[in-house]
């Protein structure tokens, strides 16, 4: 995040969920060019609410106007900026690919090539569920949402890409993912991961990315960063949060934090306090 954030008292980042249900929703209003290039290991599905939202994605510059949807695939670099001096506002949900895999049934994650969409009836229905206050606490609603979301994403993708496997060994890969998530501070070696997956390291690496949209190592790092972010939001000092999350030091955490969230840990804490 650049210095413009501090000069606009109206800027805000409001986080609605803790992400434990596989969905982390946020409402945001910012000015200038607050986000440098970064990437998430989750789907990002957002709706522009105000202003002109501009972002770079896969080598092109895109613009989303109020009411338009933007869909970003896991692990794809992007930035974010206002298209006018009045700033831009949006709602966004970061959705765990593992959550959606429960509805995909082992099919590879759908890749939507055009990241800016106009909502049709199916998308409107899915978005209504996505922003329902009870979504993360209602198991039935979450199940319905996962089905509708995967249907929308697969329809927007058009067809399964030929270079992505159609069906994968999801249950074994899920064991690997859960083992990493259970204790992300501890680094599992490749032999342990191969044993959990019951496959060689090459099949594991390809299959994990096809199932969850990112690599095992990046998945672990994102869980470390979430751990650190929770500690920061609770008031823990930056250096202490870095060590608690398993990073070598504060500067190591800061570099990774900026890469993942587009702003430094200190700036994230400021944004959280102004929500």
Protein backbone atom coordinates (compact mmCIF):
# COMPACT_ATOMS: atom_id res chain seq x y z
CA UNK A 1 0.00 0.00 0.00
CA UNK A 2 1.27 3.46 -0.87
CA UNK A 3 1.22 6.67 1.17
CA UNK A 4 -2.15 7.81 -0.23
CA UNK A 5 -3.91 5.61 2.32
CA UNK A 6 -2.81 7.77 5.25
CA UNK A 7 -3.97 10.99 3.59
CA UNK A 8 -7.60 9.97 3.15
CA UNK A 9 -9.49 9.69 6.47
CA UNK A 10 -12.49 8.23 4.59
CA UNK A 11 -10.54 5.12 3.58
CA UNK A 12 -11.66 1.98 5.35
CA UNK A 13 -11.26 -1.79 5.32
CA UNK A 14 -13.99 -3.66 7.18
CA UNK A 15 -13.51 -7.41 7.62
CA UNK A 16 -16.77 -9.29 8.17
CA UNK A 17 -15.52 -12.85 8.85
CA UNK A 18 -12.56 -14.70 10.34
CA UNK A 19 -12.23 -17.05 7.34
CA UNK A 20 -12.69 -20.23 9.38
CA UNK A 21 -15.77 -21.25 7.34
CA UNK A 22 -13.77 -21.02 4.11
CA UNK A 23 -15.03 -17.52 3.28
CA UNK A 24 -13.56 -14.17 4.32
CA UNK A 25 -15.70 -11.18 3.30
CA UNK A 26 -14.67 -7.55 3.33
CA UNK A 27 -16.13 -4.13 2.55
CA UNK A 28 -13.55 -1.60 1.36
CA UNK A 29 -13.36 2.04 0.30
CA UNK A 30 -10.02 3.51 -0.79
CA UNK A 31 -8.47 6.36 -2.77
CA UNK A 32 -5.46 6.56 -5.06
CA UNK A 33 -3.46 3.42 -5.84
CA UNK A 34 -3.42 1.62 -2.49
CA UNK A 35 -2.56 -1.91 -3.63
CA UNK A 36 0.78 -2.88 -5.12
CA UNK A 37 1.12 -6.15 -7.02
CA UNK A 38 0.18 -9.07 -4.78
CA UNK A 39 -1.64 -12.41 -4.91
CA UNK A 40 -3.89 -14.59 -2.78
CA UNK A 41 -4.15 -18.37 -2.54
CA UNK A 42 -7.93 -18.10 -2.71
CA UNK A 43 -10.55 -17.11 -5.25
CA UNK A 44 -11.41 -13.42 -5.03
CA UNK A 45 -14.99 -12.61 -6.04
CA UNK A 46 -15.92 -8.96 -5.70
CA UNK A 47 -18.54 -6.42 -6.68
CA UNK A 48 -17.70 -2.77 -7.31
CA UNK A 49 -20.03 -0.52 -5.31
CA UNK A 50 -18.78 3.00 -6.08
CA UNK A 51 -16.34 4.76 -8.36
CA UNK A 52 -14.16 3.10 -10.98
CA UNK A 53 -12.08 0.14 -9.81
CA UNK A 54 -8.93 -0.48 -11.87
CA UNK A 55 -6.50 -3.38 -11.64
CA UNK A 56 -3.77 -5.16 -13.59
CA UNK A 57 -4.27 -8.89 -14.09
CA UNK A 58 -2.51 -11.36 -16.39
CA UNK A 59 -0.80 -8.64 -18.41
CA UNK A 60 -3.82 -6.41 -19.00
CA UNK A 61 -5.43 -3.41 -17.32
CA UNK A 62 -9.08 -3.92 -16.33
CA UNK A 63 -11.84 -1.62 -15.09
CA UNK A 64 -14.93 -2.50 -13.09
CA UNK A 65 -17.84 -0.09 -12.73
CA UNK A 66 -20.53 -0.17 -10.01
CA UNK A 67 -22.51 -3.39 -10.21
CA UNK A 68 -19.86 -5.28 -12.15
CA UNK A 69 -18.24 -8.43 -10.78
CA UNK A 70 -14.54 -9.20 -10.73
CA UNK A 71 -13.22 -12.75 -10.38
CA UNK A 72 -9.53 -13.46 -9.71
CA UNK A 73 -8.07 -16.96 -9.83
CA UNK A 74 -5.88 -18.13 -6.92
CA UNK A 75 -2.20 -17.18 -7.02
CA UNK A 76 -2.55 -14.65 -9.87
CA UNK A 77 -0.73 -11.33 -9.47
CA UNK A 78 -2.89 -8.21 -9.43
CA UNK A 79 -2.94 -4.69 -8.01
CA UNK A 80 -5.72 -2.18 -7.34
CA UNK A 81 -6.39 1.52 -7.80
CA UNK A 82 -9.11 4.11 -8.13
CA UNK A 83 -9.90 5.26 -11.65
CA UNK A 84 -10.92 8.73 -10.44
CA UNK A 85 -10.01 11.11 -7.62
CA UNK A 86 -13.22 10.25 -5.76
CA UNK A 87 -11.96 6.78 -4.85
CA UNK A 88 -13.61 3.38 -5.21
CA UNK A 89 -15.63 1.06 -3.02
CA UNK A 90 -16.24 -2.66 -3.30
CA UNK A 91 -17.30 -5.80 -1.52
CA UNK A 92 -15.06 -8.81 -1.90
CA UNK A 93 -15.00 -12.40 -0.70
CA UNK A 94 -11.85 -14.52 -0.51
CA UNK A 95 -13.07 -18.08 -0.95
CA UNK A 96 -10.97 -21.09 -0.02
CA UNK A 97 -10.57 -23.42 -3.03
CA UNK A 98 -10.82 -26.35 -0.62
CA UNK A 99 -14.30 -25.21 0.36
CA UNK A 100 -15.37 -25.09 -3.30
CA UNK A 101 -13.80 -28.50 -3.96
CA UNK A 102 -16.55 -30.02 -1.84
CA UNK A 103 -18.96 -29.02 -4.61
CA UNK A 104 -16.54 -29.65 -7.50
CA UNK A 105 -16.09 -33.26 -6.45
CA UNK A 106 -12.45 -33.44 -7.51
CA UNK A 107 -12.78 -31.50 -10.77
CA UNK A 108 -10.04 -28.94 -11.36
CA UNK A 109 -10.71 -25.35 -10.34
CA UNK A 110 -12.50 -23.41 -13.12
CA UNK A 111 -10.38 -20.63 -14.59
CA UNK A 112 -12.32 -17.52 -15.69
CA UNK A 113 -10.26 -15.75 -18.36
CA UNK A 114 -12.21 -12.47 -18.38
CA UNK A 115 -12.01 -11.16 -14.80
CA UNK A 116 -14.76 -8.50 -15.16
CA UNK A 117 -18.30 -9.81 -15.56
CA UNK A 118 -21.85 -8.49 -15.63
CA UNK A 119 -24.20 -10.36 -13.31
CA UNK A 120 -26.89 -12.57 -14.81
CA UNK A 121 -29.66 -14.25 -12.80
CA UNK A 122 -27.40 -17.10 -11.64
CA UNK A 123 -24.67 -14.72 -10.44
CA UNK A 124 -27.24 -12.47 -8.75
CA UNK A 125 -28.65 -15.44 -6.81
CA UNK A 126 -25.17 -16.59 -5.79
CA UNK A 127 -24.15 -13.08 -4.69
CA UNK A 128 -27.33 -12.74 -2.60
CA UNK A 129 -26.24 -15.82 -0.65
CA UNK A 130 -22.63 -14.65 -0.48
CA UNK A 131 -23.60 -11.45 1.33
CA UNK A 132 -26.22 -12.98 3.61
CA UNK A 133 -25.17 -12.25 7.23
CA UNK A 134 -25.90 -15.87 8.21
CA UNK A 135 -23.80 -17.50 5.47
CA UNK A 136 -20.77 -18.46 7.54
CA UNK A 137 -22.84 -19.85 10.43
CA UNK A 138 -25.47 -21.72 8.39
CA UNK A 139 -24.19 -25.04 7.02
CA UNK A 140 -27.12 -25.52 4.63
CA UNK A 141 -26.67 -22.03 3.17
CA UNK A 142 -22.93 -22.58 2.78
CA UNK A 143 -23.60 -25.83 0.91
CA UNK A 144 -26.07 -24.12 -1.42
CA UNK A 145 -23.65 -21.26 -1.95
CA UNK A 146 -20.77 -23.61 -2.83
CA UNK A 147 -22.91 -25.35 -5.46
CA UNK A 148 -24.08 -22.07 -6.98
CA UNK A 149 -20.60 -20.55 -6.90
CA UNK A 150 -18.97 -23.50 -8.68
CA UNK A 151 -21.80 -23.54 -11.26
CA UNK A 152 -21.25 -19.83 -11.94
CA UNK A 153 -17.47 -20.18 -12.15
CA UNK A 154 -17.62 -23.20 -14.44
CA UNK A 155 -20.17 -21.46 -16.68
CA UNK A 156 -17.99 -18.33 -16.85
CA UNK A 157 -14.94 -20.49 -17.60
CA UNK A 158 -16.78 -21.99 -20.58
CA UNK A 159 -15.17 -25.41 -20.37
CA UNK A 160 -12.42 -27.23 -18.53
CA UNK A 161 -9.03 -26.23 -19.82
CA UNK A 162 -7.34 -29.16 -21.64
CA UNK A 163 -4.11 -28.63 -19.72
CA UNK A 164 -5.82 -29.05 -16.35
CA UNK A 165 -6.63 -32.55 -15.11
CA UNK A 166 -10.34 -33.36 -15.09
CA UNK A 167 -10.37 -35.54 -11.96
CA UNK A 168 -7.78 -35.66 -9.18
CA UNK A 169 -7.07 -37.73 -6.06
CA UNK A 170 -8.84 -35.18 -3.91
CA UNK A 171 -9.14 -37.16 -0.65
CA UNK A 172 -5.39 -37.79 -0.38
CA UNK A 173 -4.52 -34.23 -1.36
CA UNK A 174 -6.98 -32.96 1.24
CA UNK A 175 -5.05 -34.94 3.89
CA UNK A 176 -1.90 -33.07 2.87
CA UNK A 177 -3.69 -29.73 2.98
CA UNK A 178 -5.21 -30.40 6.40
CA UNK A 179 -1.86 -31.55 7.81
CA UNK A 180 -0.25 -28.28 6.69
CA UNK A 181 -3.14 -26.14 7.98
CA UNK A 182 -3.17 -27.89 11.37
CA UNK A 183 0.29 -26.54 12.25
CA UNK A 184 1.60 -24.12 9.60
CA UNK A 185 4.45 -22.99 11.83
CA UNK A 186 5.98 -26.46 11.45
CA UNK A 187 7.50 -27.17 8.05
CA UNK A 188 6.61 -30.67 6.82
CA UNK A 189 9.33 -32.19 4.66
CA UNK A 190 8.60 -33.66 1.23
CA UNK A 191 8.86 -37.25 2.45
CA UNK A 192 6.05 -36.63 4.94
CA UNK A 193 3.90 -35.00 2.27
CA UNK A 194 4.53 -37.86 -0.17
CA UNK A 195 3.54 -40.36 2.51
CA UNK A 196 0.32 -38.49 3.31
CA UNK A 197 -0.60 -38.15 -0.35
CA UNK A 198 0.53 -41.67 -1.29
CA UNK A 199 2.05 -40.28 -4.49
CA UNK A 200 5.41 -39.05 -5.73
CA UNK A 201 6.38 -35.42 -5.26
CA UNK A 202 5.73 -34.46 -8.88
CA UNK A 203 2.20 -35.85 -8.89
CA UNK A 204 1.64 -34.23 -5.50
CA UNK A 205 2.76 -30.80 -6.72
CA UNK A 206 0.64 -30.96 -9.88
CA UNK A 207 -2.38 -32.41 -8.12
CA UNK A 208 -2.28 -29.96 -5.20
CA UNK A 209 -2.27 -26.97 -7.54
CA UNK A 210 -5.07 -28.44 -9.67
CA UNK A 211 -7.19 -29.06 -6.56
CA UNK A 212 -6.47 -25.91 -4.57
CA UNK A 213 -5.02 -23.35 -7.01
CA UNK A 214 -1.65 -22.97 -5.29
CA UNK A 215 1.40 -24.94 -4.17
CA UNK A 216 1.75 -26.69 -0.78
CA UNK A 217 4.52 -24.32 0.26
CA UNK A 218 2.55 -21.20 -0.61
CA UNK A 219 -0.54 -22.62 1.09
CA UNK A 220 1.54 -23.04 4.26
CA UNK A 221 2.95 -19.51 4.00
CA UNK A 222 -0.55 -18.04 3.65
CA UNK A 223 -1.65 -19.88 6.81
CA UNK A 224 1.41 -18.43 8.58
CA UNK A 225 0.43 -14.96 7.42
CA UNK A 226 -3.15 -15.41 8.60
CA UNK A 227 -1.77 -16.51 11.98
CA UNK A 228 0.40 -13.37 12.09
CA UNK A 229 -2.50 -11.15 10.98
CA UNK A 230 -4.71 -12.49 13.76
CA UNK A 231 -1.97 -11.74 16.29
CA UNK A 232 -1.51 -8.22 14.91
CA UNK A 233 -5.25 -7.52 15.08
CA UNK A 234 -5.15 -8.68 18.71
CA UNK A 235 -2.42 -6.11 19.45
CA UNK A 236 0.70 -8.28 19.46
CA UNK A 237 3.90 -6.37 18.53
CA UNK A 238 5.09 -6.94 14.96
CA UNK A 239 8.37 -8.64 15.85
CA UNK A 240 6.66 -10.97 18.31
CA UNK A 241 3.89 -11.83 15.81
CA UNK A 242 6.51 -12.68 13.18
CA UNK A 243 8.28 -15.18 15.43
CA UNK A 244 5.00 -16.60 16.73
CA UNK A 245 3.97 -17.35 13.13
CA UNK A 246 7.24 -19.08 12.32
CA UNK A 247 8.97 -16.37 10.28
CA UNK A 248 12.69 -15.79 10.67
CA UNK A 249 12.19 -12.17 11.72
CA UNK A 250 9.95 -9.13 11.28
CA UNK A 251 11.44 -8.11 7.93
CA UNK A 252 10.82 -11.60 6.53
CA UNK A 253 7.18 -11.45 7.61
CA UNK A 254 6.79 -7.91 6.23
CA UNK A 255 8.03 -8.91 2.77
CA UNK A 256 5.69 -11.90 2.63
CA UNK A 257 2.78 -9.94 4.10
CA UNK A 258 3.08 -7.23 1.45
CA UNK A 259 3.32 -9.86 -1.31
CA UNK A 260 0.14 -11.53 -0.05
CA UNK A 261 -2.04 -8.58 1.01
CA UNK A 262 -0.65 -5.61 -0.94
CA UNK A 263 0.27 -3.61 2.17
CA UNK A 264 2.67 -3.87 5.09
CA UNK A 265 1.65 -5.35 8.47
CA UNK A 266 1.79 -1.86 10.00
CA UNK A 267 -0.53 -0.48 7.31
CA UNK A 268 -2.91 -3.44 7.74
CA UNK A 269 -3.10 -2.71 11.47
CA UNK A 270 -3.87 0.95 10.73
CA UNK A 271 -6.61 -0.03 8.25
CA UNK A 272 -8.16 -2.43 10.76
CA UNK A 273 -8.22 0.23 13.47
CA UNK A 274 -9.96 2.73 11.17
CA UNK A 275 -12.72 0.26 10.15
